[in-house]
Protein backbone atom coordinates (compact mmCIF):
# COMPACT_ATOMS: atom_id res chain seq x y z
CA UNK A 1 0.00 0.00 0.00
CA UNK A 2 1.17 3.51 -0.75
CA UNK A 3 1.56 6.39 1.62
CA UNK A 4 -1.66 7.92 2.91
CA UNK A 5 -2.34 11.37 1.43
CA UNK A 6 -2.12 14.42 3.66
CA UNK A 7 -4.64 17.25 3.48
CA UNK A 8 -4.44 20.84 4.68
CA UNK A 9 -8.25 21.11 4.50
CA UNK A 10 -9.79 17.81 3.42
CA UNK A 11 -13.25 19.29 2.80
CA UNK A 12 -11.98 22.17 0.65
CA UNK A 13 -9.65 19.90 -1.33
CA UNK A 14 -12.27 17.20 -1.91
CA UNK A 15 -14.86 19.87 -2.83
CA UNK A 16 -12.51 21.43 -5.37
CA UNK A 17 -11.78 18.04 -6.91
CA UNK A 18 -15.46 17.16 -7.12
CA UNK A 19 -16.27 20.51 -8.75
CA UNK A 20 -13.56 19.85 -11.35
CA UNK A 21 -15.13 16.48 -12.12
CA UNK A 22 -18.58 18.09 -12.32
CA UNK A 23 -17.33 20.75 -14.72
CA UNK A 24 -15.65 18.13 -16.90
CA UNK A 25 -18.86 16.08 -17.02
CA UNK A 26 -20.77 19.01 -18.50
CA UNK A 27 -24.41 18.18 -19.18
CA UNK A 28 -24.04 14.54 -18.16
CA UNK A 29 -26.03 13.69 -15.04
CA UNK A 30 -23.51 13.08 -12.32
CA UNK A 31 -23.47 12.02 -8.68
CA UNK A 32 -20.34 12.72 -6.67
CA UNK A 33 -18.80 10.57 -3.95
CA UNK A 34 -16.35 12.28 -1.58
CA UNK A 35 -14.50 8.98 -1.15
CA UNK A 36 -15.10 8.32 2.53
CA UNK A 37 -12.47 5.80 3.60
CA UNK A 38 -10.32 6.04 0.48
CA UNK A 39 -6.90 7.52 1.22
CA UNK A 40 -8.11 9.39 4.27
CA UNK A 41 -7.44 9.02 7.97
CA UNK A 42 -10.15 8.76 10.61
CA UNK A 43 -10.11 12.50 11.31
CA UNK A 44 -10.37 13.34 7.59
CA UNK A 45 -13.35 11.01 7.22
CA UNK A 46 -15.08 12.47 10.27
CA UNK A 47 -14.41 16.02 9.05
CA UNK A 48 -16.01 15.18 5.70
CA UNK A 49 -19.05 13.69 7.43
CA UNK A 50 -19.42 16.63 9.84
CA UNK A 51 -19.22 19.10 6.97
CA UNK A 52 -21.38 17.09 4.58
CA UNK A 53 -23.79 20.04 4.09
CA UNK A 54 -20.95 21.92 2.40
CA UNK A 55 -20.47 19.08 -0.10
CA UNK A 56 -24.23 18.89 -0.66
CA UNK A 57 -24.20 22.64 -1.33
CA UNK A 58 -21.98 22.22 -4.40
CA UNK A 59 -25.06 21.78 -6.57
CA UNK A 60 -24.22 18.20 -7.55
CA UNK A 61 -26.02 15.23 -5.95
CA UNK A 62 -23.84 13.49 -3.34
CA UNK A 63 -23.73 9.73 -2.80
CA UNK A 64 -21.95 8.32 0.26
CA UNK A 65 -20.64 4.78 0.30
CA UNK A 66 -19.86 4.24 3.97
CA UNK A 67 -20.80 0.62 4.60
CA UNK A 68 -18.11 -1.66 5.98
CA UNK A 69 -15.53 1.10 6.29
CA UNK A 70 -12.76 0.25 8.72
CA UNK A 71 -12.83 3.68 10.35
CA UNK A 72 -16.43 3.08 11.45
CA UNK A 73 -15.33 -0.12 13.17
CA UNK A 74 -12.45 1.78 14.77
CA UNK A 75 -14.62 4.54 16.23
CA UNK A 76 -17.47 2.23 17.33
CA UNK A 77 -15.33 -0.68 18.52
CA UNK A 78 -17.52 -3.07 16.52
CA UNK A 79 -16.74 -5.33 13.59
CA UNK A 80 -17.41 -3.55 10.28
CA UNK A 81 -19.72 -6.40 9.29
CA UNK A 82 -22.11 -5.22 12.02
């Protein structure tokens, strides 16, 4: 596995990236996924979830795929299968 990315402001950086993708898609209907659990530490994931309204305010539908993410098991102390 490669090194985990580092973010100065994970929400701003993910938002900017998602807006770039949205602009490139043009008129194509698009849903964006902020990538919860992919290349982000626990704090980055929690920051994205806490500030989800900002991502939803980008004007592009947001889809979260958070099932079976290891960080959820870490913060709850439960197996991710639960």
